[in-house]
Amino acid sequence: MTTTIHDAQFSALLDRLFQQADQAASPDFGTLTSEERERLLHSKTEYLSLYQLLKGAWLPVSRETGTLLYMLARSIRATAIVEFGTSFGLSTLHLAAALRDNGGGRLITTEFEPSKVNQARAHLAEGSVEKLVEVREGDALTTLASDLPESIDLVLLDGAKALYNEVLDLLESRLRPGAIIIADNADFSPEYLARVRHPHGGYLSVPFADDVELSIRLA
């Protein structure tokens, strides 16, 4: 059976974008010291300042994580997905491909940097999956505060790490039992990890590979 991610044109798009990401310059933090970067990375009020500096940085998931996203969404036949942190749309493409192969659905993704929103939309259109995706521009604490699916099957957290807990707060009441949450670079969000790993917190969670936390909603 042919899958979208193995379609010749779609696969070539993914390969090209991953190559561009690999060849891109290292993120430019300007004159920030390492201490200032750490402070901004963990700040719940100044995170936009850091990510404005990174507005040209790709910050993609790895190829392996992209494939994992597709596999997980297919395995639970997800039709309602929410993504925090679109960037240039590489993870979005994998999730949208899974929706298409599941027979359709809705992917809500959010990104505050306008130039990345424009590029992500162009990539989704090139992959012919744009009709499955709603890209919301702005701060996720606003864009994900309303108009969500009644039942969410899968969540990807890959935006400002300091907000993982707050974004989960917005989504949690709509997570169906068995919903999957993938948190990229979750080690930068100890508060989030403590929540999903708590034995009575309503989740079962385990670190996966080097930089992914994989959780399911139990109730």
C-alpha atoms as a PDB file:
ATOM      1  CA  MET A   1       0.000   0.000   0.000  1.00  0.00           C
ATOM      2  CA  THR A   2       1.363   3.412  -0.981  1.00  0.00           C
ATOM      3  CA  THR A   3       1.604   5.959   1.838  1.00  0.00           C
ATOM      4  CA  THR A   4       1.848   9.701   1.446  1.00  0.00           C
ATOM      5  CA  ILE A   5       5.324   9.967   2.949  1.00  0.00           C
ATOM      6  CA  HIS A   6       6.542   7.402   0.394  1.00  0.00           C
ATOM      7  CA  ASP A   7       4.920   9.192  -2.529  1.00  0.00           C
ATOM      8  CA  ALA A   8       7.731  10.322  -4.821  1.00  0.00           C
ATOM      9  CA  GLN A   9       6.847  14.026  -4.853  1.00  0.00           C
ATOM     10  CA  PHE A  10       6.032  14.219  -1.150  1.00  0.00           C
ATOM     11  CA  SER A  11       9.180  12.302  -0.200  1.00  0.00           C
ATOM     12  CA  ALA A  12      11.274  14.597  -2.398  1.00  0.00           C
ATOM     13  CA  LEU A  13       9.746  17.605  -0.631  1.00  0.00           C
ATOM     14  CA  LEU A  14      10.652  16.196   2.776  1.00  0.00           C
ATOM     15  CA  ASP A  15      14.185  15.375   1.638  1.00  0.00           C
ATOM     16  CA  ARG A  16      14.671  18.883   0.249  1.00  0.00           C
ATOM     17  CA  LEU A  17      13.419  20.566   3.409  1.00  0.00           C
ATOM     18  CA  PHE A  18      15.513  18.388   5.703  1.00  0.00           C
ATOM     19  CA  GLN A  19      18.561  19.147   3.545  1.00  0.00           C
ATOM     20  CA  GLN A  20      17.838  22.867   3.777  1.00  0.00           C
ATOM     21  CA  ALA A  21      17.527  22.541   7.533  1.00  0.00           C
ATOM     22  CA  ASP A  22      20.813  20.604   7.728  1.00  0.00           C
ATOM     23  CA  GLN A  23      22.597  23.230   5.642  1.00  0.00           C
ATOM     24  CA  ALA A  24      21.141  26.233   7.437  1.00  0.00           C
ATOM     25  CA  ALA A  25      23.388  28.384   9.567  1.00  0.00           C
ATOM     26  CA  SER A  26      23.465  27.767  13.289  1.00  0.00           C
ATOM     27  CA  PRO A  27      20.910  29.789  15.264  1.00  0.00           C
ATOM     28  CA  ASP A  28      22.070  33.349  15.849  1.00  0.00           C
ATOM     29  CA  PHE A  29      21.575  34.399  19.442  1.00  0.00           C
ATOM     30  CA  GLY A  30      23.017  37.829  18.811  1.00  0.00           C
ATOM     31  CA  THR A  31      24.893  39.213  21.791  1.00  0.00           C
ATOM     32  CA  LEU A  32      23.096  37.063  24.358  1.00  0.00           C
ATOM     33  CA  THR A  33      25.306  35.304  26.860  1.00  0.00           C
ATOM     34  CA  SER A  34      24.707  31.631  27.601  1.00  0.00           C
ATOM     35  CA  GLU A  35      23.179  32.669  30.938  1.00  0.00           C
ATOM     36  CA  GLU A  36      20.763  35.042  29.200  1.00  0.00           C
ATOM     37  CA  ARG A  37      19.780  32.322  26.720  1.00  0.00           C
ATOM     38  CA  GLU A  38      19.033  29.917  29.538  1.00  0.00           C
ATOM     39  CA  ARG A  39      16.936  32.524  31.329  1.00  0.00           C
ATOM     40  CA  LEU A  40      14.878  33.285  28.226  1.00  0.00           C
ATOM     41  CA  LEU A  41      14.514  29.599  27.403  1.00  0.00           C
ATOM     42  CA  HIS A  42      12.932  28.937  30.797  1.00  0.00           C
ATOM     43  CA  SER A  43      10.973  32.186  31.079  1.00  0.00           C
ATOM     44  CA  LYS A  44       7.176  32.108  30.876  1.00  0.00           C
ATOM     45  CA  THR A  45       7.041  35.842  30.116  1.00  0.00           C
ATOM     46  CA  GLU A  46      10.075  36.583  27.905  1.00  0.00           C
ATOM     47  CA  TYR A  47      10.099  33.534  25.620  1.00  0.00           C
ATOM     48  CA  LEU A  48       9.040  35.603  22.619  1.00  0.00           C
ATOM     49  CA  SER A  49      12.256  37.603  22.856  1.00  0.00           C
ATOM     50  CA  LEU A  50      14.321  34.458  22.388  1.00  0.00           C
ATOM     51  CA  TYR A  51      12.244  33.077  19.546  1.00  0.00           C
ATOM     52  CA  GLN A  52      12.262  36.411  17.742  1.00  0.00           C
ATOM     53  CA  LEU A  53      16.038  36.024  17.608  1.00  0.00           C
ATOM     54  CA  LEU A  54      15.482  32.556  16.144  1.00  0.00           C
ATOM     55  CA  LYS A  55      12.916  33.610  13.544  1.00  0.00           C
ATOM     56  CA  GLY A  56      15.163  32.428  10.719  1.00  0.00           C
ATOM     57  CA  ALA A  57      16.234  29.180  12.413  1.00  0.00           C
ATOM     58  CA  TRP A  58      14.677  25.950  11.179  1.00  0.00           C
ATOM     59  CA  LEU A  59      14.513  24.145  14.553  1.00  0.00           C
ATOM     60  CA  PRO A  60      12.995  21.035  12.921  1.00  0.00           C
ATOM     61  CA  VAL A  61      12.237  17.648  14.380  1.00  0.00           C
ATOM     62  CA  SER A  62      14.703  14.986  13.322  1.00  0.00           C
ATOM     63  CA  ARG A  63      13.948  12.725  10.378  1.00  0.00           C
ATOM     64  CA  GLU A  64      13.383   9.875  12.807  1.00  0.00           C
ATOM     65  CA  THR A  65      10.982  11.920  14.923  1.00  0.00           C
ATOM     66  CA  GLY A  66       9.097  12.939  11.784  1.00  0.00           C
ATOM     67  CA  THR A  67       8.603   9.304  10.868  1.00  0.00           C
ATOM     68  CA  LEU A  68       7.589   8.547  14.450  1.00  0.00           C
ATOM     69  CA  LEU A  69       4.924  11.255  14.306  1.00  0.00           C
ATOM     70  CA  TYR A  70       3.508   9.753  11.141  1.00  0.00           C
ATOM     71  CA  MET A  71       3.542   6.238  12.604  1.00  0.00           C
ATOM     72  CA  LEU A  72       1.852   7.255  15.847  1.00  0.00           C
ATOM     73  CA  ALA A  73      -0.869   9.233  14.111  1.00  0.00           C
ATOM     74  CA  ARG A  74      -1.528   6.337  11.752  1.00  0.00           C
ATOM     75  CA  SER A  75      -1.485   3.737  14.522  1.00  0.00           C
ATOM     76  CA  ILE A  76      -4.318   5.419  16.437  1.00  0.00           C
ATOM     77  CA  ARG A  77      -6.098   6.532  13.242  1.00  0.00           C
ATOM     78  CA  ALA A  78      -5.967  10.115  14.426  1.00  0.00           C
ATOM     79  CA  THR A  79      -8.375  12.586  12.889  1.00  0.00           C
ATOM     80  CA  ALA A  80      -7.901  15.521  15.307  1.00  0.00           C
ATOM     81  CA  ILE A  81      -4.343  16.738  15.941  1.00  0.00           C
ATOM     82  CA  VAL A  82      -2.948  19.853  17.614  1.00  0.00           C
ATOM     83  CA  GLU A  83       0.632  21.039  17.122  1.00  0.00           C
ATOM     84  CA  PHE A  84       2.391  23.707  19.180  1.00  0.00           C
ATOM     85  CA  GLY A  85       5.265  25.142  17.131  1.00  0.00           C
ATOM     86  CA  THR A  86       4.899  24.956  13.343  1.00  0.00           C
ATOM     87  CA  SER A  87       8.241  26.513  12.370  1.00  0.00           C
ATOM     88  CA  PHE A  88       8.759  25.785   8.653  1.00  0.00           C
ATOM     89  CA  GLY A  89       6.289  22.899   8.692  1.00  0.00           C
ATOM     90  CA  LEU A  90       8.370  19.721   8.589  1.00  0.00           C
ATOM     91  CA  SER A  91       6.605  18.069  11.511  1.00  0.00           C
ATOM     92  CA  THR A  92       3.312  19.472  10.205  1.00  0.00           C
ATOM     93  CA  LEU A  93       3.830  17.738   6.877  1.00  0.00           C
ATOM     94  CA  HIS A  94       4.330  14.365   8.570  1.00  0.00           C
ATOM     95  CA  LEU A  95       1.205  14.774  10.691  1.00  0.00           C
ATOM     96  CA  ALA A  96      -0.881  15.998   7.757  1.00  0.00           C
ATOM     97  CA  ALA A  97       0.318  13.035   5.680  1.00  0.00           C
ATOM     98  CA  ALA A  98      -0.964  10.714   8.397  1.00  0.00           C
ATOM     99  CA  LEU A  99      -4.329  12.477   8.430  1.00  0.00           C
ATOM    100  CA  ARG A 100      -4.638  12.089   4.675  1.00  0.00           C
ATOM    101  CA  ASP A 101      -3.796   8.392   4.874  1.00  0.00           C
ATOM    102  CA  ASN A 102      -6.252   7.974   7.754  1.00  0.00           C
ATOM    103  CA  GLY A 103      -8.995   9.242   5.489  1.00  0.00           C
ATOM    104  CA  GLY A 104      -9.017  12.911   6.537  1.00  0.00           C
ATOM    105  CA  GLY A 105      -9.276  15.077   9.610  1.00  0.00           C
ATOM    106  CA  ARG A 106      -8.130  18.390  11.036  1.00  0.00           C
ATOM    107  CA  LEU A 107      -4.688  19.505  12.159  1.00  0.00           C
ATOM    108  CA  ILE A 108      -4.465  22.772  14.076  1.00  0.00           C
ATOM    109  CA  THR A 109      -0.937  24.133  14.274  1.00  0.00           C
ATOM    110  CA  THR A 110       0.264  27.418  15.727  1.00  0.00           C
ATOM    111  CA  GLU A 111       3.299  29.634  15.075  1.00  0.00           C
ATOM    112  CA  PHE A 112       3.900  33.223  16.178  1.00  0.00           C
ATOM    113  CA  GLU A 113       6.554  34.190  13.596  1.00  0.00           C
ATOM    114  CA  PRO A 114       4.788  35.502  10.437  1.00  0.00           C
ATOM    115  CA  SER A 115       7.620  34.633   8.034  1.00  0.00           C
ATOM    116  CA  LYS A 116       7.588  31.024   9.227  1.00  0.00           C
ATOM    117  CA  VAL A 117       3.809  30.877   8.899  1.00  0.00           C
ATOM    118  CA  ASN A 118       4.089  31.942   5.263  1.00  0.00           C
ATOM    119  CA  GLN A 119       6.798  29.412   4.503  1.00  0.00           C
ATOM    120  CA  ALA A 120       4.966  26.604   6.292  1.00  0.00           C
ATOM    121  CA  ARG A 121       1.793  27.309   4.337  1.00  0.00           C
ATOM    122  CA  ALA A 122       3.763  27.224   1.084  1.00  0.00           C
ATOM    123  CA  HIS A 123       5.304  23.873   2.011  1.00  0.00           C
ATOM    124  CA  LEU A 124       1.914  22.421   2.947  1.00  0.00           C
ATOM    125  CA  ALA A 125       0.496  23.574  -0.364  1.00  0.00           C
ATOM    126  CA  GLU A 126       3.437  22.028  -2.203  1.00  0.00           C
ATOM    127  CA  GLY A 127       2.702  18.774  -0.412  1.00  0.00           C
ATOM    128  CA  SER A 128      -0.999  19.068  -1.333  1.00  0.00           C
ATOM    129  CA  VAL A 129      -2.077  18.694   2.309  1.00  0.00           C
ATOM    130  CA  GLU A 130      -2.984  22.328   3.022  1.00  0.00           C
ATOM    131  CA  LYS A 131      -6.720  21.587   3.166  1.00  0.00           C
ATOM    132  CA  LEU A 132      -6.135  19.342   6.178  1.00  0.00           C
ATOM    133  CA  VAL A 133      -4.240  22.000   8.155  1.00  0.00           C
ATOM    134  CA  GLU A 134      -5.269  25.202   9.908  1.00  0.00           C
ATOM    135  CA  VAL A 135      -2.204  27.329  10.633  1.00  0.00           C
ATOM    136  CA  ARG A 136      -2.910  29.824  13.417  1.00  0.00           C
ATOM    137  CA  GLU A 137      -0.565  32.790  13.643  1.00  0.00           C
ATOM    138  CA  GLY A 138       0.251  34.206  17.082  1.00  0.00           C
ATOM    139  CA  ASP A 139       1.059  33.244  20.651  1.00  0.00           C
ATOM    140  CA  ALA A 140      -0.198  29.718  21.350  1.00  0.00           C
ATOM    141  CA  LEU A 141      -1.632  30.805  24.694  1.00  0.00           C
ATOM    142  CA  THR A 142      -4.103  32.836  22.637  1.00  0.00           C
ATOM    143  CA  THR A 143      -4.438  30.823  19.437  1.00  0.00           C
ATOM    144  CA  LEU A 144      -5.138  27.572  21.297  1.00  0.00           C
ATOM    145  CA  ALA A 145      -7.462  29.097  23.881  1.00  0.00           C
ATOM    146  CA  SER A 146     -10.613  28.504  21.798  1.00  0.00           C
ATOM    147  CA  ASP A 147     -12.118  26.710  18.799  1.00  0.00           C
ATOM    148  CA  LEU A 148     -10.553  23.333  19.453  1.00  0.00           C
ATOM    149  CA  PRO A 149     -11.867  19.897  18.498  1.00  0.00           C
ATOM    150  CA  GLU A 150     -14.200  18.327  21.033  1.00  0.00           C
ATOM    151  CA  SER A 151     -11.899  15.312  21.173  1.00  0.00           C
ATOM    152  CA  ILE A 152      -8.168  15.459  20.432  1.00  0.00           C
ATOM    153  CA  ASP A 153      -6.306  12.316  19.370  1.00  0.00           C
ATOM    154  CA  LEU A 154      -2.706  13.515  19.262  1.00  0.00           C
ATOM    155  CA  VAL A 155      -0.662  16.518  20.384  1.00  0.00           C
ATOM    156  CA  LEU A 156       2.837  17.595  19.377  1.00  0.00           C
ATOM    157  CA  LEU A 157       4.597  20.049  21.681  1.00  0.00           C
ATOM    158  CA  ASP A 158       7.552  21.644  19.907  1.00  0.00           C
ATOM    159  CA  GLY A 159       7.333  25.376  20.614  1.00  0.00           C
ATOM    160  CA  ALA A 160       8.646  27.420  23.541  1.00  0.00           C
ATOM    161  CA  LYS A 161       9.624  24.796  26.094  1.00  0.00           C
ATOM    162  CA  ALA A 162       8.655  26.946  29.076  1.00  0.00           C
ATOM    163  CA  LEU A 163       5.024  26.830  27.896  1.00  0.00           C
ATOM    164  CA  TYR A 164       4.561  23.074  27.559  1.00  0.00           C
ATOM    165  CA  ASN A 165       2.635  22.929  30.823  1.00  0.00           C
ATOM    166  CA  GLU A 166       0.446  25.911  29.951  1.00  0.00           C
ATOM    167  CA  VAL A 167      -0.363  24.554  26.499  1.00  0.00           C
ATOM    168  CA  LEU A 168      -1.279  21.201  28.024  1.00  0.00           C
ATOM    169  CA  ASP A 169      -3.609  23.079  30.381  1.00  0.00           C
ATOM    170  CA  LEU A 170      -5.471  24.439  27.343  1.00  0.00           C
ATOM    171  CA  LEU A 171      -5.810  21.037  25.709  1.00  0.00           C
ATOM    172  CA  GLU A 172      -6.118  18.552  28.537  1.00  0.00           C
ATOM    173  CA  SER A 173      -9.906  18.572  28.964  1.00  0.00           C
ATOM    174  CA  ARG A 174     -10.277  17.629  25.279  1.00  0.00           C
ATOM    175  CA  LEU A 175      -7.753  14.795  25.205  1.00  0.00           C
ATOM    176  CA  ARG A 176      -9.547  11.516  24.657  1.00  0.00           C
ATOM    177  CA  PRO A 177      -8.483   8.472  26.692  1.00  0.00           C
ATOM    178  CA  GLY A 178      -5.521   7.002  24.834  1.00  0.00           C
ATOM    179  CA  ALA A 179      -4.562  10.311  23.229  1.00  0.00           C
ATOM    180  CA  ILE A 180      -0.849  10.580  22.499  1.00  0.00           C
ATOM    181  CA  ILE A 181       1.307  13.568  23.446  1.00  0.00           C
ATOM    182  CA  ILE A 182       4.771  13.917  21.922  1.00  0.00           C
ATOM    183  CA  ALA A 183       6.988  16.555  23.521  1.00  0.00           C
ATOM    184  CA  ASP A 184      10.196  17.381  21.654  1.00  0.00           C
ATOM    185  CA  ASN A 185      13.177  18.531  23.753  1.00  0.00           C
ATOM    186  CA  ALA A 186      11.088  17.992  26.871  1.00  0.00           C
ATOM    187  CA  ASP A 187      14.192  17.973  29.068  1.00  0.00           C
ATOM    188  CA  PHE A 188      14.026  21.766  28.872  1.00  0.00           C
ATOM    189  CA  SER A 189      10.630  21.657  30.603  1.00  0.00           C
ATOM    190  CA  PRO A 190      11.076  19.887  33.961  1.00  0.00           C
ATOM    191  CA  GLU A 191       7.685  21.131  35.160  1.00  0.00           C
ATOM    192  CA  TYR A 192       5.996  19.408  32.234  1.00  0.00           C
ATOM    193  CA  LEU A 193       7.972  16.202  32.751  1.00  0.00           C
ATOM    194  CA  ALA A 194       7.033  16.100  36.433  1.00  0.00           C
ATOM    195  CA  ARG A 195       3.385  16.431  35.462  1.00  0.00           C
ATOM    196  CA  VAL A 196       3.179  13.693  32.845  1.00  0.00           C
ATOM    197  CA  ARG A 197       5.429  11.321  34.799  1.00  0.00           C
ATOM    198  CA  HIS A 198       3.516  11.660  38.075  1.00  0.00           C
ATOM    199  CA  PRO A 199       2.025   8.243  38.922  1.00  0.00           C
ATOM    200  CA  HIS A 200      -1.360   9.793  39.692  1.00  0.00           C
ATOM    201  CA  GLY A 201      -1.366  12.544  37.078  1.00  0.00           C
ATOM    202  CA  GLY A 202      -3.507  10.771  34.502  1.00  0.00           C
ATOM    203  CA  TYR A 203      -0.699   9.999  32.062  1.00  0.00           C
ATOM    204  CA  LEU A 204       1.706   7.200  31.304  1.00  0.00           C
ATOM    205  CA  SER A 205       4.950   8.654  30.032  1.00  0.00           C
ATOM    206  CA  VAL A 206       8.403   7.532  28.986  1.00  0.00           C
ATOM    207  CA  PRO A 207      11.459   9.201  27.420  1.00  0.00           C
ATOM    208  CA  PHE A 208      11.947   8.052  23.843  1.00  0.00           C
ATOM    209  CA  ALA A 209      15.217   8.302  21.929  1.00  0.00           C
ATOM    210  CA  ASP A 210      17.430  11.230  22.974  1.00  0.00           C
ATOM    211  CA  ASP A 211      15.050  14.167  23.040  1.00  0.00           C
ATOM    212  CA  VAL A 212      11.406  13.054  22.957  1.00  0.00           C
ATOM    213  CA  GLU A 213       8.927  12.415  25.758  1.00  0.00           C
ATOM    214  CA  LEU A 214       6.111  10.099  24.705  1.00  0.00           C
ATOM    215  CA  SER A 215       2.943  10.123  26.814  1.00  0.00           C
ATOM    216  CA  ILE A 216      -0.596   8.797  26.646  1.00  0.00           C
ATOM    217  CA  ARG A 217      -3.686  10.145  28.385  1.00  0.00           C
ATOM    218  CA  LEU A 218      -5.136   7.487  30.663  1.00  0.00           C
ATOM    219  CA  ALA A 219      -8.428   9.142  31.580  1.00  0.00           C
END
